Structures are given as C-alpha cells and as structure tokens.
Amino acid sequence: MPVCKECDSEVTRLVTVKLDGRAKKLCEDCADRAREQAEIAQASEAVVRGMLGFKGTR
C-alpha cells in the first residue's frame, strides 16, 4: 500500500500535486488541503503586491 508523504497514512491511491515547482505524491485529502493553501498564499501575495504598487513579475 502506498503511504502519503504528508500524513504518513496508508492509502489506496496517491495523487501527484505540483506545489512550488515540485511534484509531491499525497493522498486526496492532503492534496486538496495543499491546493487550498497554495491558492490562499497566492491570493494574499497578490493583495500585498497591490497594496505596495508593485507591477513587476515575481
């Protein structure tokens, strides 16, 4: 049985998720949480960039 890298539990299937330019194999629950956290981080970074008036690329 495969083991999730995030929660160390045995699952029937792992999902490959690309985070910060790296691919990770996680269970579906951890993959959903990781995607949500990445979206929140991206949105908050965009807000901060907007407040500071930064128009360049990352």
Protein backbone atom coordinates (compact mmCIF):
# COMPACT_ATOMS: atom_id res chain seq x y z
CA MET A 1 0.00 0.00 0.00
CA PRO A 2 1.32 3.49 -0.83
CA VAL A 3 1.98 5.93 2.00
CA CYS A 4 1.14 9.63 1.90
CA LYS A 5 4.21 11.86 2.36
CA GLU A 6 2.23 14.45 4.35
CA CYS A 7 0.17 12.46 6.87
CA ASP A 8 2.08 9.13 6.76
CA SER A 9 -1.09 7.11 6.38
CA GLU A 10 -1.57 4.18 4.04
CA VAL A 11 -3.98 4.94 1.20
CA THR A 12 -5.27 3.07 -1.82
CA ARG A 13 -4.14 5.74 -4.28
CA LEU A 14 -1.78 8.72 -4.29
CA VAL A 15 -2.37 11.92 -6.25
CA THR A 16 0.52 13.90 -7.74
CA VAL A 17 0.29 17.60 -6.90
CA LYS A 18 2.67 20.27 -8.12
CA LEU A 19 3.49 22.74 -5.34
CA ASP A 20 6.14 25.45 -5.51
CA GLY A 21 7.50 23.90 -8.70
CA ARG A 22 7.89 20.45 -7.15
CA ALA A 23 5.71 17.40 -7.57
CA LYS A 24 4.52 15.66 -4.41
CA LYS A 25 2.57 12.45 -4.08
CA LEU A 26 -0.15 12.91 -1.48
CA CYS A 27 -3.44 11.32 -0.54
CA GLU A 28 -6.55 13.07 -1.87
CA ASP A 29 -7.33 14.86 1.42
CA CYS A 30 -3.80 16.23 1.80
CA ALA A 31 -3.73 17.18 -1.89
CA ASP A 32 -6.94 19.20 -1.52
CA ARG A 33 -5.58 20.97 1.57
CA ALA A 34 -2.28 21.70 -0.17
CA ARG A 35 -4.06 23.15 -3.21
CA GLU A 36 -6.22 25.37 -0.99
CA GLN A 37 -3.19 26.61 0.94
CA ALA A 38 -1.35 27.40 -2.29
CA GLU A 39 -4.34 29.34 -3.63
CA ILE A 40 -4.66 31.32 -0.39
CA ALA A 41 -0.93 32.11 -0.38
CA GLN A 42 -1.07 33.27 -3.99
CA ALA A 43 -4.11 35.46 -3.35
CA SER A 44 -2.58 37.05 -0.25
CA GLU A 45 0.65 37.73 -2.13
CA ALA A 46 -1.34 39.43 -4.89
CA VAL A 47 -3.09 41.64 -2.33
CA VAL A 48 0.20 42.68 -0.73
CA ARG A 49 1.73 43.40 -4.14
CA GLY A 50 -1.31 45.52 -5.00
CA MET A 51 -1.05 47.48 -1.77
CA LEU A 52 2.63 48.16 -2.38
CA GLY A 53 2.01 49.09 -6.00
CA PHE A 54 4.44 46.51 -7.37
CA LYS A 55 3.74 45.94 -11.05
CA GLY A 56 6.65 43.64 -11.99
CA THR A 57 6.78 39.89 -12.18
CA ARG A 58 7.93 37.56 -9.49
